[in-house]
């Protein structure tokens, strides 16, 4: 009896991966083995960078808060220490947003903390 192989399913699987690699450069887009390896590697990068994105944004917020705090005569660590001592519940994302887009509100927070 001849061997039965499901060519429809295997071709569909290859087409699905090749469709996902459409924007890649050179043979990474149309050679099956290269495209599959590139796509799998891209998934690992995506997983890793979802974690790194959080770190990068936190670092950016800290830099923005530090720059605004220095204009008020405080360092970042002094400001955050005073905020925690005063019992003000505000996270770094919101504090950085205030420092960038509404400096008056940031100054009000610093004035409240300095009391």
N, C-alpha and C. Protein backbone atom coordinates (compact mmCIF):
# COMPACT_ATOMS: atom_id res chain seq x y z
N UNK A 1 0.85 -1.17 0.00
CA UNK A 1 0.00 0.00 0.00
C UNK A 1 0.90 1.24 0.00
N UNK A 2 0.58 2.24 -0.83
CA UNK A 2 1.43 3.44 -0.89
C UNK A 2 1.33 4.27 0.39
N UNK A 3 2.40 5.00 0.63
CA UNK A 3 2.47 5.83 1.83
C UNK A 3 1.57 7.05 1.66
N UNK A 4 0.78 7.34 2.68
CA UNK A 4 -0.13 8.48 2.62
C UNK A 4 0.47 9.66 3.38
N UNK A 5 0.68 10.76 2.67
CA UNK A 5 1.25 11.96 3.27
C UNK A 5 0.27 13.11 3.04
N UNK A 6 0.03 13.87 4.06
CA UNK A 6 -0.95 14.96 3.96
C UNK A 6 -0.25 16.22 3.43
N UNK A 7 -0.11 16.29 2.12
CA UNK A 7 0.58 17.43 1.52
C UNK A 7 -0.19 18.74 1.69
N UNK A 8 -1.50 18.64 1.77
CA UNK A 8 -2.30 19.86 1.92
C UNK A 8 -1.97 20.56 3.23
N UNK A 9 -1.90 19.80 4.30
CA UNK A 9 -1.63 20.38 5.60
C UNK A 9 -0.20 20.90 5.70
N UNK A 10 0.76 20.13 5.20
CA UNK A 10 2.15 20.58 5.30
C UNK A 10 2.40 21.81 4.44
N UNK A 11 1.78 21.89 3.28
CA UNK A 11 1.93 23.08 2.43
C UNK A 11 1.27 24.29 3.09
N UNK A 12 0.11 24.06 3.73
CA UNK A 12 -0.58 25.17 4.41
C UNK A 12 0.26 25.70 5.57
N UNK A 13 0.93 24.79 6.28
CA UNK A 13 1.78 25.21 7.38
C UNK A 13 2.94 26.06 6.87
N UNK A 14 3.55 25.63 5.78
CA UNK A 14 4.65 26.40 5.20
C UNK A 14 4.17 27.76 4.69
N UNK A 15 3.03 27.77 4.04
CA UNK A 15 2.50 29.04 3.51
C UNK A 15 2.19 30.01 4.64
N UNK A 16 1.71 29.49 5.76
CA UNK A 16 1.38 30.34 6.90
C UNK A 16 2.64 31.03 7.43
N UNK A 17 3.73 30.26 7.55
CA UNK A 17 4.99 30.85 8.05
C UNK A 17 5.55 31.82 7.02
N UNK A 18 5.51 31.46 5.74
CA UNK A 18 6.05 32.35 4.72
C UNK A 18 5.25 33.64 4.62
N UNK A 19 3.96 33.58 4.93
CA UNK A 19 3.16 34.80 4.94
C UNK A 19 3.59 35.71 6.10
N UNK A 20 3.98 35.11 7.22
CA UNK A 20 4.42 35.89 8.38
C UNK A 20 5.78 36.55 8.16
N UNK A 21 6.58 35.99 7.24
CA UNK A 21 7.93 36.53 7.00
C UNK A 21 7.97 37.40 5.75
N UNK A 22 6.84 37.95 5.33
CA UNK A 22 6.78 38.67 4.07
C UNK A 22 7.66 39.90 3.99
N UNK A 23 7.83 40.63 5.09
CA UNK A 23 8.60 41.87 5.02
C UNK A 23 10.09 41.70 5.25
N UNK A 24 10.56 40.48 5.42
CA UNK A 24 11.97 40.25 5.74
C UNK A 24 12.85 40.43 4.51
N UNK A 25 14.16 40.53 4.74
CA UNK A 25 15.12 40.83 3.68
C UNK A 25 15.66 39.55 3.04
N UNK A 26 15.73 39.56 1.72
CA UNK A 26 16.40 38.48 0.99
C UNK A 26 15.73 37.14 1.16
N UNK A 27 16.56 36.11 1.34
CA UNK A 27 16.02 34.76 1.41
C UNK A 27 15.30 34.49 2.73
N UNK A 28 15.38 35.43 3.65
CA UNK A 28 14.65 35.27 4.90
C UNK A 28 13.15 35.32 4.67
N UNK A 29 12.73 35.79 3.50
CA UNK A 29 11.30 35.91 3.25
C UNK A 29 10.74 34.74 2.47
N UNK A 30 11.57 34.05 1.65
CA UNK A 30 10.96 33.07 0.75
C UNK A 30 11.61 31.69 0.75
N UNK A 31 12.74 31.50 1.40
CA UNK A 31 13.33 30.17 1.52
C UNK A 31 12.84 29.56 2.82
N UNK A 32 12.22 28.40 2.72
CA UNK A 32 11.48 27.84 3.84
C UNK A 32 12.31 27.70 5.10
N UNK A 33 13.49 27.06 5.04
CA UNK A 33 14.25 26.81 6.25
C UNK A 33 14.77 28.11 6.85
N UNK A 34 15.25 29.01 6.02
CA UNK A 34 15.76 30.29 6.51
C UNK A 34 14.62 31.10 7.11
N UNK A 35 13.49 31.13 6.42
CA UNK A 35 12.34 31.91 6.89
C UNK A 35 11.83 31.36 8.22
N UNK A 36 11.76 30.04 8.34
CA UNK A 36 11.26 29.44 9.57
C UNK A 36 12.19 29.76 10.74
N UNK A 37 13.50 29.65 10.52
CA UNK A 37 14.46 29.95 11.59
C UNK A 37 14.39 31.42 11.98
N UNK A 38 14.27 32.30 10.99
CA UNK A 38 14.20 33.73 11.27
C UNK A 38 12.93 34.07 12.05
N UNK A 39 11.83 33.47 11.65
CA UNK A 39 10.55 33.72 12.32
C UNK A 39 10.60 33.24 13.78
N UNK A 40 11.17 32.05 14.01
CA UNK A 40 11.27 31.53 15.37
C UNK A 40 12.18 32.41 16.22
N UNK A 41 13.28 32.88 15.64
CA UNK A 41 14.19 33.75 16.37
C UNK A 41 13.48 35.07 16.70
N UNK A 42 12.66 35.55 15.77
CA UNK A 42 11.89 36.76 16.01
C UNK A 42 10.93 36.62 17.18
N UNK A 43 10.37 35.43 17.35
CA UNK A 43 9.48 35.20 18.48
C UNK A 43 10.24 35.30 19.81
N UNK A 44 11.47 34.80 19.83
CA UNK A 44 12.25 34.90 21.07
C UNK A 44 12.63 36.35 21.34
N UNK A 45 12.95 37.10 20.29
CA UNK A 45 13.24 38.52 20.48
C UNK A 45 12.00 39.25 21.01
N UNK A 46 10.84 38.92 20.47
CA UNK A 46 9.61 39.59 20.88
C UNK A 46 9.33 39.31 22.36
N UNK A 47 9.53 38.08 22.79
CA UNK A 47 9.31 37.73 24.19
C UNK A 47 10.28 38.50 25.08
N UNK A 48 11.55 38.51 24.69
CA UNK A 48 12.57 39.20 25.48
C UNK A 48 12.29 40.70 25.55
N UNK A 49 11.93 41.28 24.41
CA UNK A 49 11.78 42.73 24.35
C UNK A 49 10.50 43.22 25.00
N UNK A 50 9.51 42.36 25.18
CA UNK A 50 8.35 42.77 25.96
C UNK A 50 8.76 43.03 27.40
N UNK A 51 9.72 42.27 27.89
CA UNK A 51 10.24 42.50 29.24
C UNK A 51 11.13 43.75 29.27
N UNK A 52 11.98 43.91 28.26
CA UNK A 52 12.90 45.04 28.22
C UNK A 52 12.18 46.36 28.05
N UNK A 53 11.03 46.33 27.37
CA UNK A 53 10.26 47.54 27.17
C UNK A 53 9.86 48.16 28.51
N UNK A 54 9.48 47.33 29.45
CA UNK A 54 9.10 47.81 30.77
C UNK A 54 10.29 48.46 31.48
N UNK A 55 11.47 47.83 31.34
CA UNK A 55 12.68 48.39 31.96
C UNK A 55 13.03 49.73 31.33
N UNK A 56 12.94 49.79 30.00
CA UNK A 56 13.32 51.01 29.29
C UNK A 56 12.41 52.17 29.66
N UNK A 57 11.11 51.90 29.76
CA UNK A 57 10.19 52.98 30.11
C UNK A 57 10.41 53.45 31.54
N UNK A 58 10.68 52.52 32.45
CA UNK A 58 10.95 52.93 33.83
C UNK A 58 12.19 53.81 33.89
N UNK A 59 13.23 53.44 33.15
CA UNK A 59 14.46 54.25 33.12
C UNK A 59 14.18 55.64 32.54
N UNK A 60 13.34 55.70 31.50
CA UNK A 60 12.99 56.99 30.91
C UNK A 60 12.22 57.87 31.89
N UNK A 61 11.27 57.26 32.61
CA UNK A 61 10.51 58.02 33.60
C UNK A 61 11.43 58.57 34.67
N UNK A 62 12.38 57.75 35.13
CA UNK A 62 13.30 58.18 36.18
C UNK A 62 14.15 59.35 35.68
N UNK A 63 14.61 59.30 34.44
CA UNK A 63 15.42 60.40 33.89
C UNK A 63 14.61 61.68 33.81
N UNK A 64 13.36 61.58 33.40
CA UNK A 64 12.51 62.77 33.30
C UNK A 64 12.21 63.36 34.67
N UNK A 65 11.93 62.50 35.64
CA UNK A 65 11.67 62.97 37.00
C UNK A 65 12.92 63.62 37.58
N UNK A 66 14.06 63.02 37.34
CA UNK A 66 15.32 63.55 37.85
C UNK A 66 15.60 64.93 37.27
N UNK A 67 15.38 65.09 35.98
CA UNK A 67 15.62 66.40 35.35
C UNK A 67 14.70 67.47 35.94
N UNK A 68 13.44 67.12 36.13
CA UNK A 68 12.50 68.09 36.69
C UNK A 68 12.80 68.36 38.16
N UNK A 69 13.22 67.34 38.88
CA UNK A 69 13.52 67.51 40.30
C UNK A 69 14.76 68.39 40.49
N UNK A 70 15.72 68.26 39.61
CA UNK A 70 16.93 69.08 39.71
C UNK A 70 16.61 70.55 39.49
N UNK A 71 15.60 70.84 38.66
CA UNK A 71 15.16 72.22 38.49
C UNK A 71 14.56 72.78 39.78
N UNK A 72 14.06 71.88 40.62
CA UNK A 72 13.47 72.29 41.90
C UNK A 72 14.47 72.23 43.04
N UNK A 73 15.72 71.89 42.75
CA UNK A 73 16.76 71.85 43.78
C UNK A 73 16.86 70.54 44.53
N UNK A 74 16.30 69.48 43.99
CA UNK A 74 16.37 68.15 44.61
C UNK A 74 16.96 67.16 43.62
N UNK A 75 17.51 66.09 44.14
CA UNK A 75 17.89 64.99 43.26
C UNK A 75 16.70 64.03 43.17
N UNK A 76 16.80 63.06 42.28
CA UNK A 76 15.71 62.09 42.12
C UNK A 76 15.51 61.30 43.40
N UNK A 77 16.62 60.83 43.98
CA UNK A 77 16.48 59.98 45.17
C UNK A 77 15.94 60.78 46.36
N UNK A 78 16.34 62.03 46.49
CA UNK A 78 15.80 62.87 47.57
C UNK A 78 14.30 63.07 47.38
N UNK A 79 13.89 63.36 46.14
CA UNK A 79 12.47 63.58 45.85
C UNK A 79 11.66 62.34 46.15
N UNK A 80 12.12 61.18 45.69
CA UNK A 80 11.35 59.96 45.92
C UNK A 80 11.31 59.60 47.41
N UNK A 81 12.40 59.88 48.12
CA UNK A 81 12.39 59.64 49.56
C UNK A 81 11.39 60.52 50.27
N UNK A 82 11.33 61.78 49.87
CA UNK A 82 10.36 62.70 50.48
C UNK A 82 8.92 62.33 50.12
N UNK A 83 8.71 61.89 48.89
CA UNK A 83 7.36 61.47 48.47
C UNK A 83 6.89 60.29 49.31
N UNK A 84 7.77 59.30 49.50
CA UNK A 84 7.38 58.13 50.29
C UNK A 84 7.19 58.50 51.76
N UNK A 85 8.04 59.40 52.27
CA UNK A 85 7.91 59.82 53.67
C UNK A 85 6.62 60.59 53.89
N UNK A 86 6.20 61.38 52.87
CA UNK A 86 4.96 62.15 53.00
C UNK A 86 3.72 61.29 52.80
N UNK A 87 3.91 60.07 52.35
CA UNK A 87 2.78 59.16 52.16
C UNK A 87 1.97 59.45 50.91
N UNK A 88 2.59 60.10 49.92
CA UNK A 88 1.90 60.41 48.66
C UNK A 88 2.01 59.19 47.74
N UNK A 89 0.88 58.68 47.31
CA UNK A 89 0.84 57.51 46.43
C UNK A 89 0.77 57.98 44.98
N UNK A 90 1.93 58.12 44.35
CA UNK A 90 1.96 58.49 42.94
C UNK A 90 3.09 57.68 42.30
N UNK A 91 2.79 57.08 41.16
CA UNK A 91 3.81 56.25 40.54
C UNK A 91 4.71 57.06 39.60
N UNK A 92 5.78 56.45 39.16
CA UNK A 92 6.78 57.14 38.36
C UNK A 92 6.24 57.55 37.00
N UNK A 93 5.36 56.75 36.45
CA UNK A 93 4.80 57.08 35.13
C UNK A 93 4.02 58.39 35.19
N UNK A 94 3.17 58.53 36.17
CA UNK A 94 2.36 59.73 36.32
C UNK A 94 3.23 60.92 36.69
N UNK A 95 4.21 60.69 37.55
CA UNK A 95 5.11 61.77 37.96
C UNK A 95 5.92 62.29 36.77
N UNK A 96 6.38 61.39 35.92
CA UNK A 96 7.11 61.79 34.72
C UNK A 96 6.21 62.54 33.76
N UNK A 97 4.96 62.11 33.65
CA UNK A 97 3.99 62.80 32.79
C UNK A 97 3.73 64.22 33.29
N UNK A 98 3.62 64.37 34.60
CA UNK A 98 3.46 65.71 35.18
C UNK A 98 4.69 66.57 34.91
N UNK A 99 5.86 65.98 35.07
CA UNK A 99 7.11 66.73 34.88
C UNK A 99 7.24 67.22 33.44
N UNK A 100 6.78 66.41 32.50
CA UNK A 100 6.93 66.77 31.08
C UNK A 100 5.84 67.74 30.63
N UNK A 101 4.59 67.42 30.94
CA UNK A 101 3.47 68.13 30.30
C UNK A 101 2.83 69.21 31.16
N UNK A 102 2.97 69.11 32.47
CA UNK A 102 2.40 70.16 33.32
C UNK A 102 3.36 70.44 34.47
N UNK A 103 4.36 71.29 34.22
CA UNK A 103 5.37 71.58 35.25
C UNK A 103 4.78 72.23 36.49
N UNK A 104 3.67 72.96 36.35
CA UNK A 104 3.05 73.60 37.51
C UNK A 104 2.56 72.54 38.50
N UNK A 105 1.95 71.51 37.98
CA UNK A 105 1.46 70.43 38.84
C UNK A 105 2.63 69.71 39.51
N UNK A 106 3.72 69.53 38.77
CA UNK A 106 4.91 68.89 39.35
C UNK A 106 5.47 69.76 40.47
N UNK A 107 5.51 71.08 40.23
CA UNK A 107 5.98 71.99 41.27
C UNK A 107 5.08 71.93 42.50
N UNK A 108 3.79 71.77 42.29
CA UNK A 108 2.86 71.65 43.42
C UNK A 108 3.14 70.39 44.22
N UNK A 109 3.45 69.30 43.53
CA UNK A 109 3.79 68.05 44.24
C UNK A 109 5.06 68.26 45.03
N UNK A 110 6.07 68.91 44.44
CA UNK A 110 7.33 69.14 45.15
C UNK A 110 7.10 70.05 46.35
N UNK A 111 6.28 71.08 46.18
CA UNK A 111 5.99 72.00 47.30
C UNK A 111 5.27 71.25 48.43
N UNK A 112 4.35 70.37 48.07
CA UNK A 112 3.64 69.58 49.08
C UNK A 112 4.60 68.68 49.85
N UNK A 113 5.57 68.14 49.13
CA UNK A 113 6.52 67.21 49.74
C UNK A 113 7.51 67.95 50.63
N UNK A 114 7.88 69.16 50.25
CA UNK A 114 8.88 69.92 51.02
C UNK A 114 8.35 70.44 52.35
N UNK A 115 7.03 70.47 52.53
CA UNK A 115 6.45 70.99 53.78
C UNK A 115 6.85 70.14 54.97
